[in-house]
Structures are given as structure tokens and as C-alpha cells.
């Protein structure tokens, strides 16, 4: 009997999907998304465009919904685990070095992609086309804007 077709306890064969590794599921979803997106863009398939737009919007809303609790609990767990650390200075130094290294890599990747793809090319916009802001705040305004007035609002507005 094949691995996908197993006998149930009653003796009749039942269909069972084979286990697919997680990386293969991700790759399959990525390829499926690209193919469906290409079909939606190139063909006149209105229902597919609407469906993909709704699914994408719901996915982004769920991600936004998950960000605030994840950040909050990650910080909370990190703080509570600090009492178990013997050498906090070494941990802080390693954390800052790791943060600087990963930030440098992220900035380098972003700059490289920006230089290679040249975003905004073909828009015929120049720096003179930009409007000057009506109000420019001071550094004090910036610093007071960072500190929330209460604990709940930053989480409800996703301004963590």
C-alpha cells in the first residue's frame, strides 16, 4: 500500500495527504501567488483581482494586528529574563553590536536595491516640485511627540 493510502482501523483504505516540509509549503505558496498575480494582471479576470485584493488586505490587517502584542511581549519577556543574567554589561554590548551589524546590513541592502532599481524614474518629478511643509516643529516637539500620553493609545494606533 502506498504511503498516501493507509488502511483505517475498520479495514477500508482512507486517503491521507503526504507530509510536505514547511519550506516547500512556503515556496509553493510563493510560486502560486506569483502565478495568480500574473494571471490577474495580464488577463481580464476581475473576480481574481478582487479576491487577491481582499485576501491581501486581510493579511496585512492581521499582520498589523499581531505587531503590537508581539513587540510588547518580546520586550516584556526580555526584561523579565534579565534577572537571570550574570553579566548584563556583556549582554548589552553584544546586543548593541548585533543591532548595529544587522542595521548596517539592512541599510546596505536597501541602498543597493534603490541604486539598482532607481525607484521614481519616469515620474518626471524634481526636488522643486515638492511643497514646503506648512509647519516645521522643533526638536522639543519631536521629543515630546515620542512619549505617549497614555499606555493604551500607542497599541490601538499601532504607534509602538
N, C-alpha and C. Protein backbone atom coordinates (compact mmCIF):
# COMPACT_ATOMS: atom_id res chain seq x y z
N UNK A 1 0.85 -1.17 0.00
CA UNK A 1 0.00 0.00 0.00
C UNK A 1 0.90 1.23 0.00
N UNK A 2 0.50 2.27 -0.72
CA UNK A 2 1.33 3.48 -0.77
C UNK A 2 1.23 4.24 0.54
N UNK A 3 2.19 5.20 0.72
CA UNK A 3 2.20 5.96 1.98
C UNK A 3 1.03 6.93 2.06
N UNK A 4 0.47 7.33 0.90
CA UNK A 4 -0.65 8.26 0.91
C UNK A 4 -1.98 7.55 1.16
N UNK A 5 -2.00 6.22 0.92
CA UNK A 5 -3.23 5.47 1.08
C UNK A 5 -3.03 4.48 2.22
N UNK A 6 -3.65 4.71 3.35
CA UNK A 6 -3.48 3.87 4.54
C UNK A 6 -4.80 3.19 4.86
N UNK A 7 -4.70 2.04 5.47
CA UNK A 7 -5.91 1.33 5.88
C UNK A 7 -6.39 1.89 7.21
N UNK A 8 -7.66 2.14 7.30
CA UNK A 8 -8.24 2.63 8.55
C UNK A 8 -8.43 1.43 9.48
N UNK A 9 -8.72 1.70 10.77
CA UNK A 9 -8.92 0.58 11.71
C UNK A 9 -10.04 -0.36 11.29
N UNK A 10 -11.01 0.13 10.51
CA UNK A 10 -12.11 -0.72 10.07
C UNK A 10 -11.71 -1.58 8.86
N UNK A 11 -10.52 -1.32 8.29
CA UNK A 11 -10.07 -2.13 7.17
C UNK A 11 -10.22 -1.45 5.83
N UNK A 12 -11.02 -0.39 5.71
CA UNK A 12 -11.18 0.27 4.42
C UNK A 12 -10.08 1.31 4.24
N UNK A 13 -9.56 1.46 3.02
CA UNK A 13 -8.47 2.42 2.81
C UNK A 13 -9.00 3.86 2.93
N UNK A 14 -8.19 4.72 3.54
CA UNK A 14 -8.55 6.14 3.66
C UNK A 14 -7.42 6.97 3.07
N UNK A 15 -7.76 8.07 2.45
CA UNK A 15 -6.77 8.92 1.80
C UNK A 15 -6.12 9.84 2.82
N UNK A 16 -4.81 9.92 2.81
CA UNK A 16 -4.06 10.77 3.72
C UNK A 16 -3.02 11.54 2.92
N UNK A 17 -3.02 12.87 3.10
CA UNK A 17 -2.05 13.69 2.37
C UNK A 17 -0.65 13.44 2.89
N UNK A 18 0.33 13.39 2.00
CA UNK A 18 1.70 13.21 2.46
C UNK A 18 2.19 14.47 3.17
N UNK A 19 3.13 14.30 4.11
CA UNK A 19 3.68 15.45 4.82
C UNK A 19 4.60 16.21 3.88
N UNK A 20 4.33 17.50 3.75
CA UNK A 20 5.15 18.38 2.93
C UNK A 20 5.95 19.27 3.87
N UNK A 21 7.28 19.36 3.67
CA UNK A 21 8.08 20.21 4.55
C UNK A 21 7.62 21.67 4.50
N UNK A 22 7.85 22.37 5.61
CA UNK A 22 7.40 23.76 5.71
C UNK A 22 8.02 24.63 4.64
N UNK A 23 9.32 24.46 4.35
CA UNK A 23 9.98 25.27 3.33
C UNK A 23 9.35 25.06 1.96
N UNK A 24 8.89 23.82 1.69
CA UNK A 24 8.25 23.53 0.41
C UNK A 24 6.87 24.19 0.34
N UNK A 25 6.16 24.24 1.48
CA UNK A 25 4.86 24.91 1.51
C UNK A 25 5.03 26.40 1.24
N UNK A 26 6.06 27.01 1.84
CA UNK A 26 6.34 28.44 1.63
C UNK A 26 6.66 28.68 0.16
N UNK A 27 7.53 27.86 -0.41
CA UNK A 27 7.93 28.01 -1.81
C UNK A 27 6.73 27.82 -2.73
N UNK A 28 5.90 26.82 -2.44
CA UNK A 28 4.70 26.58 -3.24
C UNK A 28 3.74 27.77 -3.17
N UNK A 29 3.55 28.32 -1.97
CA UNK A 29 2.69 29.50 -1.81
C UNK A 29 3.23 30.70 -2.56
N UNK A 30 4.55 30.89 -2.54
CA UNK A 30 5.17 31.99 -3.25
C UNK A 30 4.98 31.86 -4.75
N UNK A 31 5.22 30.67 -5.28
CA UNK A 31 5.05 30.43 -6.72
C UNK A 31 3.58 30.59 -7.11
N UNK A 32 2.68 30.05 -6.30
CA UNK A 32 1.25 30.18 -6.58
C UNK A 32 0.81 31.64 -6.57
N UNK A 33 1.32 32.42 -5.60
CA UNK A 33 0.99 33.84 -5.54
C UNK A 33 1.48 34.60 -6.75
N UNK A 34 2.70 34.30 -7.20
CA UNK A 34 3.25 34.98 -8.38
C UNK A 34 2.44 34.62 -9.63
N UNK A 35 2.10 33.35 -9.78
CA UNK A 35 1.33 32.92 -10.96
C UNK A 35 -0.06 33.55 -10.95
N UNK A 36 -0.75 33.51 -9.81
CA UNK A 36 -2.08 34.11 -9.74
C UNK A 36 -2.03 35.62 -9.94
N UNK A 37 -1.01 36.28 -9.40
CA UNK A 37 -0.85 37.71 -9.61
C UNK A 37 -0.60 38.04 -11.07
N UNK A 38 0.22 37.23 -11.72
CA UNK A 38 0.49 37.45 -13.15
C UNK A 38 -0.78 37.25 -13.98
N UNK A 39 -1.55 36.21 -13.65
CA UNK A 39 -2.81 35.97 -14.37
C UNK A 39 -3.77 37.13 -14.14
N UNK A 40 -3.86 37.61 -12.91
CA UNK A 40 -4.78 38.71 -12.59
C UNK A 40 -4.37 39.99 -13.31
N UNK A 41 -3.06 40.25 -13.45
CA UNK A 41 -2.60 41.47 -14.12
C UNK A 41 -2.71 41.38 -15.63
N UNK A 42 -2.36 40.22 -16.19
CA UNK A 42 -2.30 40.12 -17.65
C UNK A 42 -3.67 39.83 -18.27
N UNK A 43 -4.48 39.05 -17.60
CA UNK A 43 -5.80 38.71 -18.14
C UNK A 43 -6.87 39.63 -17.60
N UNK A 44 -8.04 39.50 -18.19
CA UNK A 44 -9.18 40.30 -17.73
C UNK A 44 -10.01 39.41 -16.80
N UNK A 45 -9.48 39.18 -15.61
CA UNK A 45 -10.11 38.30 -14.63
C UNK A 45 -10.46 39.14 -13.41
N UNK A 46 -11.59 39.82 -13.47
CA UNK A 46 -11.99 40.74 -12.42
C UNK A 46 -12.18 40.09 -11.07
N UNK A 47 -12.79 38.91 -11.05
CA UNK A 47 -13.05 38.23 -9.78
C UNK A 47 -11.74 37.85 -9.10
N UNK A 48 -10.72 37.48 -9.88
CA UNK A 48 -9.44 37.10 -9.30
C UNK A 48 -8.73 38.31 -8.70
N UNK A 49 -8.81 39.45 -9.40
CA UNK A 49 -8.21 40.68 -8.89
C UNK A 49 -8.87 41.07 -7.57
N UNK A 50 -10.19 41.02 -7.52
CA UNK A 50 -10.93 41.37 -6.31
C UNK A 50 -10.60 40.40 -5.17
N UNK A 51 -10.55 39.12 -5.48
CA UNK A 51 -10.25 38.11 -4.46
C UNK A 51 -8.85 38.29 -3.90
N UNK A 52 -7.86 38.47 -4.78
CA UNK A 52 -6.48 38.66 -4.32
C UNK A 52 -6.34 39.95 -3.53
N UNK A 53 -7.06 41.00 -3.93
CA UNK A 53 -7.01 42.26 -3.20
C UNK A 53 -7.58 42.10 -1.80
N UNK A 54 -8.71 41.40 -1.68
CA UNK A 54 -9.33 41.19 -0.37
C UNK A 54 -8.43 40.32 0.52
N UNK A 55 -7.88 39.25 -0.05
CA UNK A 55 -7.02 38.36 0.74
C UNK A 55 -5.78 39.13 1.19
N UNK A 56 -5.20 39.92 0.30
CA UNK A 56 -4.02 40.71 0.66
C UNK A 56 -4.33 41.74 1.73
N UNK A 57 -5.48 42.40 1.63
CA UNK A 57 -5.87 43.39 2.64
C UNK A 57 -6.07 42.74 4.00
N UNK A 58 -6.74 41.60 4.02
CA UNK A 58 -6.97 40.89 5.28
C UNK A 58 -5.64 40.44 5.88
N UNK A 59 -4.73 39.95 5.04
CA UNK A 59 -3.42 39.50 5.52
C UNK A 59 -2.64 40.66 6.16
N UNK A 60 -2.65 41.81 5.50
CA UNK A 60 -1.93 42.97 6.03
C UNK A 60 -2.58 43.44 7.34
N UNK A 61 -3.91 43.43 7.42
CA UNK A 61 -4.59 43.81 8.66
C UNK A 61 -4.23 42.86 9.79
N UNK A 62 -4.15 41.56 9.50
CA UNK A 62 -3.77 40.59 10.53
C UNK A 62 -2.33 40.81 10.99
N UNK A 63 -1.44 41.14 10.05
CA UNK A 63 -0.06 41.44 10.43
C UNK A 63 0.01 42.66 11.32
N UNK A 64 -0.74 43.71 10.96
CA UNK A 64 -0.76 44.91 11.80
C UNK A 64 -1.33 44.62 13.17
N UNK A 65 -2.32 43.76 13.21
CA UNK A 65 -2.93 43.39 14.48
C UNK A 65 -1.95 42.62 15.36
N UNK A 66 -1.07 41.83 14.76
CA UNK A 66 -0.15 41.00 15.53
C UNK A 66 1.09 41.75 15.99
N UNK A 67 1.44 42.85 15.33
CA UNK A 67 2.71 43.52 15.62
C UNK A 67 2.77 44.05 17.04
N UNK A 68 1.78 44.80 17.46
CA UNK A 68 1.83 45.44 18.78
C UNK A 68 1.96 44.42 19.93
N UNK A 69 1.13 43.38 19.98
CA UNK A 69 1.31 42.41 21.07
C UNK A 69 2.66 41.69 21.00
N UNK A 70 3.12 41.37 19.80
CA UNK A 70 4.41 40.69 19.68
C UNK A 70 5.55 41.55 20.21
N UNK A 71 5.56 42.81 19.84
CA UNK A 71 6.62 43.71 20.31
C UNK A 71 6.52 43.88 21.82
N UNK A 72 5.32 44.09 22.32
CA UNK A 72 5.12 44.29 23.75
C UNK A 72 5.61 43.08 24.55
N UNK A 73 5.17 41.89 24.16
CA UNK A 73 5.55 40.70 24.92
C UNK A 73 7.02 40.33 24.71
N UNK A 74 7.59 40.63 23.56
CA UNK A 74 9.02 40.39 23.37
C UNK A 74 9.83 41.26 24.32
N UNK A 75 9.45 42.52 24.44
CA UNK A 75 10.15 43.41 25.37
C UNK A 75 9.91 42.97 26.81
N UNK A 76 8.67 42.61 27.14
CA UNK A 76 8.35 42.17 28.49
C UNK A 76 9.13 40.91 28.88
N UNK A 77 9.18 39.93 28.00
CA UNK A 77 9.91 38.70 28.30
C UNK A 77 11.40 38.96 28.41
N UNK A 78 11.91 39.84 27.56
CA UNK A 78 13.34 40.18 27.64
C UNK A 78 13.68 40.83 28.97
N UNK A 79 12.83 41.72 29.42
CA UNK A 79 13.07 42.39 30.71
C UNK A 79 12.99 41.39 31.86
N UNK A 80 12.01 40.50 31.82
CA UNK A 80 11.88 39.55 32.92
C UNK A 80 13.03 38.54 32.93
N UNK A 81 13.61 38.25 31.79
CA UNK A 81 14.74 37.32 31.74
C UNK A 81 16.05 37.97 32.14
N UNK A 82 16.09 39.29 32.26
CA UNK A 82 17.33 39.97 32.62
C UNK A 82 17.78 39.63 34.03
N UNK A 83 16.88 39.26 34.90
CA UNK A 83 17.28 38.97 36.28
C UNK A 83 18.10 37.69 36.35
N UNK A 84 18.04 36.84 35.32
CA UNK A 84 18.80 35.61 35.29
C UNK A 84 20.18 35.79 34.65
N UNK A 85 20.50 36.99 34.21
CA UNK A 85 21.75 37.23 33.51
C UNK A 85 22.84 37.56 34.53
N UNK A 86 23.97 36.86 34.43
CA UNK A 86 25.08 37.11 35.34
C UNK A 86 25.89 38.32 34.91
N UNK A 87 26.11 38.48 33.62
CA UNK A 87 26.96 39.55 33.13
C UNK A 87 26.14 40.43 32.16
N UNK A 88 25.38 41.36 32.71
CA UNK A 88 24.48 42.19 31.90
C UNK A 88 25.24 43.12 30.97
N UNK A 89 26.41 43.60 31.37
CA UNK A 89 27.18 44.52 30.52
C UNK A 89 27.62 43.81 29.25
N UNK A 90 28.07 42.56 29.37
CA UNK A 90 28.49 41.81 28.19
C UNK A 90 27.29 41.55 27.27
N UNK A 91 26.14 41.23 27.85
CA UNK A 91 24.93 41.01 27.06
C UNK A 91 24.51 42.29 26.35
N UNK A 92 24.55 43.41 27.04
CA UNK A 92 24.18 44.69 26.43
C UNK A 92 25.12 45.04 25.28
N UNK A 93 26.41 44.81 25.46
CA UNK A 93 27.39 45.10 24.40
C UNK A 93 27.14 44.22 23.19
N UNK A 94 26.95 42.93 23.44
CA UNK A 94 26.66 42.02 22.32
C UNK A 94 25.39 42.41 21.59
N UNK A 95 24.36 42.77 22.36
CA UNK A 95 23.08 43.16 21.75
C UNK A 95 23.25 44.40 20.88
N UNK A 96 23.95 45.40 21.39
CA UNK A 96 24.15 46.62 20.61
C UNK A 96 24.99 46.35 19.36
N UNK A 97 26.02 45.53 19.47
CA UNK A 97 26.83 45.19 18.30
C UNK A 97 26.02 44.42 17.27
N UNK A 98 25.21 43.49 17.74
CA UNK A 98 24.35 42.73 16.84
C UNK A 98 23.34 43.65 16.15
N UNK A 99 22.75 44.56 16.91
CA UNK A 99 21.80 45.51 16.35
C UNK A 99 22.47 46.40 15.29
N UNK A 100 23.67 46.89 15.60
CA UNK A 100 24.38 47.74 14.63
C UNK A 100 24.76 46.96 13.38
N UNK A 101 25.19 45.73 13.54
CA UNK A 101 25.59 44.93 12.38
C UNK A 101 24.40 44.63 11.48
N UNK A 102 23.29 44.19 12.08
CA UNK A 102 22.12 43.88 11.26
C UNK A 102 21.52 45.14 10.64
N UNK A 103 21.58 46.26 11.35
CA UNK A 103 21.10 47.52 10.77
C UNK A 103 21.96 47.94 9.60
N UNK A 104 23.27 47.79 9.72
CA UNK A 104 24.17 48.13 8.63
C UNK A 104 23.90 47.25 7.40
N UNK A 105 23.68 45.98 7.63
CA UNK A 105 23.36 45.08 6.51
C UNK A 105 22.04 45.48 5.87
N UNK A 106 21.02 45.79 6.68
CA UNK A 106 19.71 46.19 6.13
C UNK A 106 19.81 47.48 5.34
N UNK A 107 20.56 48.45 5.85
CA UNK A 107 20.73 49.72 5.12
C UNK A 107 21.49 49.49 3.82
N UNK A 108 22.51 48.65 3.85
CA UNK A 108 23.28 48.37 2.64
C UNK A 108 22.42 47.69 1.59
N UNK A 109 21.59 46.74 2.01
CA UNK A 109 20.69 46.08 1.07
C UNK A 109 19.69 47.08 0.50
N UNK A 110 19.12 47.92 1.36
CA UNK A 110 18.16 48.92 0.88
C UNK A 110 18.77 49.90 -0.09
N UNK A 111 19.99 50.38 0.21
CA UNK A 111 20.67 51.30 -0.70
C UNK A 111 21.00 50.62 -2.02
N UNK A 112 21.45 49.38 -1.96
CA UNK A 112 21.79 48.66 -3.19
C UNK A 112 20.55 48.47 -4.06
N UNK A 113 19.45 48.07 -3.46
CA UNK A 113 18.21 47.88 -4.22
C UNK A 113 17.75 49.21 -4.80
N UNK A 114 17.86 50.29 -4.03
CA UNK A 114 17.47 51.61 -4.52
C UNK A 114 18.34 52.07 -5.68
N UNK A 115 19.64 51.83 -5.58
CA UNK A 115 20.54 52.23 -6.67
C UNK A 115 20.35 51.37 -7.92
N UNK A 116 20.05 50.10 -7.73
CA UNK A 116 19.87 49.21 -8.88
C UNK A 116 18.54 49.47 -9.58
N UNK A 117 17.45 49.59 -8.81
CA UNK A 117 16.12 49.72 -9.40
C UNK A 117 15.75 51.14 -9.76
N UNK A 118 16.41 52.13 -9.14
CA UNK A 118 16.15 53.54 -9.40
C UNK A 118 14.65 53.85 -9.27
N UNK A 119 14.09 53.72 -8.07
CA UNK A 119 12.65 53.97 -7.91
C UNK A 119 12.32 55.44 -8.18
N UNK A 120 11.19 55.66 -8.77
CA UNK A 120 10.77 57.02 -9.10
C UNK A 120 11.20 57.46 -10.48
N UNK A 121 12.00 56.64 -11.17
CA UNK A 121 12.41 57.01 -12.52
C UNK A 121 11.18 57.02 -13.43
N UNK A 122 11.09 58.01 -14.25
CA UNK A 122 9.96 58.12 -15.16
C UNK A 122 8.80 58.90 -14.61
N UNK A 123 8.91 59.43 -13.40
CA UNK A 123 7.81 60.21 -12.84
C UNK A 123 7.91 61.68 -13.22
N UNK A 124 9.06 62.09 -13.75
CA UNK A 124 9.30 63.48 -14.17
C UNK A 124 9.16 64.46 -13.01
N UNK A 125 9.42 64.02 -11.79
CA UNK A 125 9.38 64.90 -10.63
C UNK A 125 10.78 65.38 -10.32
N UNK A 126 10.89 66.62 -9.88
CA UNK A 126 12.17 67.18 -9.45
C UNK A 126 12.02 67.64 -8.01
N UNK A 127 13.12 67.92 -7.33
CA UNK A 127 13.00 68.42 -5.96
C UNK A 127 12.22 69.72 -5.87
N UNK A 128 12.20 70.51 -6.94
CA UNK A 128 11.44 71.77 -6.92
C UNK A 128 9.94 71.52 -6.92
N UNK A 129 9.51 70.33 -7.35
CA UNK A 129 8.08 70.01 -7.37
C UNK A 129 7.52 69.77 -5.98
N UNK A 130 8.36 69.50 -5.02
CA UNK A 130 7.91 69.24 -3.65
C UNK A 130 7.47 70.52 -2.97
N UNK A 131 6.46 70.38 -2.14
CA UNK A 131 5.95 71.54 -1.42
C UNK A 131 6.61 71.61 -0.05
N UNK A 132 6.90 72.81 0.39
CA UNK A 132 7.47 73.01 1.71
C UNK A 132 6.37 72.79 2.75
N UNK A 133 6.67 72.10 3.86
CA UNK A 133 5.63 71.87 4.87
C UNK A 133 5.14 73.19 5.46
N UNK A 134 3.86 73.18 5.82
CA UNK A 134 3.26 74.39 6.41
C UNK A 134 3.86 74.69 7.78
N UNK A 135 4.17 73.64 8.53
CA UNK A 135 4.66 73.84 9.89
C UNK A 135 5.84 72.90 10.12
N UNK A 136 6.92 73.45 10.57
CA UNK A 136 8.08 72.64 10.93
C UNK A 136 8.24 72.70 12.44
N UNK A 137 8.25 71.55 13.08
CA UNK A 137 8.36 71.50 14.53
C UNK A 137 9.81 71.59 14.97
N UNK A 138 9.96 71.83 16.24
CA UNK A 138 11.30 71.91 16.83
C UNK A 138 11.70 70.52 17.34
N UNK A 139 12.93 70.42 17.83
CA UNK A 139 13.40 69.18 18.42
C UNK A 139 12.60 68.84 19.67
N UNK A 140 12.19 69.84 20.38
CA UNK A 140 11.40 69.61 21.58
C UNK A 140 10.04 69.00 21.21
N UNK A 141 9.44 69.51 20.12
CA UNK A 141 8.18 68.93 19.65
C UNK A 141 8.37 67.46 19.26
N UNK A 142 9.49 67.17 18.61
CA UNK A 142 9.79 65.80 18.21
C UNK A 142 9.91 64.89 19.43
N UNK A 143 10.66 65.34 20.42
CA UNK A 143 10.87 64.52 21.61
C UNK A 143 9.59 64.34 22.41
N UNK A 144 8.78 65.38 22.53
CA UNK A 144 7.52 65.23 23.27
C UNK A 144 6.53 64.39 22.48
N UNK A 145 6.66 64.36 21.15
CA UNK A 145 5.78 63.52 20.35
C UNK A 145 6.08 62.04 20.48
N UNK A 146 7.30 61.70 20.88
CA UNK A 146 7.67 60.30 21.03
C UNK A 146 7.02 59.69 22.27
N UNK A 147 6.92 60.47 23.34
CA UNK A 147 6.40 59.96 24.60
C UNK A 147 4.87 59.96 24.54
N UNK A 148 4.26 58.78 24.72
CA UNK A 148 2.79 58.72 24.64
C UNK A 148 2.13 59.35 25.87
N UNK A 149 0.90 59.79 25.69
CA UNK A 149 0.15 60.38 26.79
C UNK A 149 -0.46 59.32 27.69
N UNK A 150 -0.73 58.13 27.13
CA UNK A 150 -1.23 57.02 27.94
C UNK A 150 -0.69 55.71 27.37
N UNK A 151 -0.97 54.61 28.04
CA UNK A 151 -0.41 53.33 27.66
C UNK A 151 -1.19 52.66 26.52
N UNK A 152 -2.47 52.88 26.45
CA UNK A 152 -3.34 52.17 25.51
C UNK A 152 -3.24 52.73 24.09
N UNK A 153 -3.20 54.04 23.92
CA UNK A 153 -3.27 54.66 22.60
C UNK A 153 -2.20 54.18 21.64
N UNK A 154 -0.93 54.08 22.01
CA UNK A 154 0.06 53.61 21.04
C UNK A 154 -0.25 52.21 20.50
N UNK A 155 -0.81 51.34 21.33
CA UNK A 155 -1.13 49.99 20.87
C UNK A 155 -2.36 49.99 19.97
N UNK A 156 -3.33 50.86 20.25
CA UNK A 156 -4.53 50.88 19.42
C UNK A 156 -4.27 51.55 18.08
N UNK A 157 -3.33 52.48 18.02
CA UNK A 157 -3.00 53.16 16.76
C UNK A 157 -1.77 52.56 16.10
N UNK A 158 -1.24 51.47 16.66
CA UNK A 158 -0.05 50.79 16.14
C UNK A 158 1.13 51.74 16.05
N UNK A 159 1.31 52.59 17.04
CA UNK A 159 2.43 53.52 17.14
C UNK A 159 3.35 53.09 18.27
N UNK A 160 3.85 51.88 18.19
CA UNK A 160 4.69 51.36 19.27
C UNK A 160 6.11 51.84 19.05
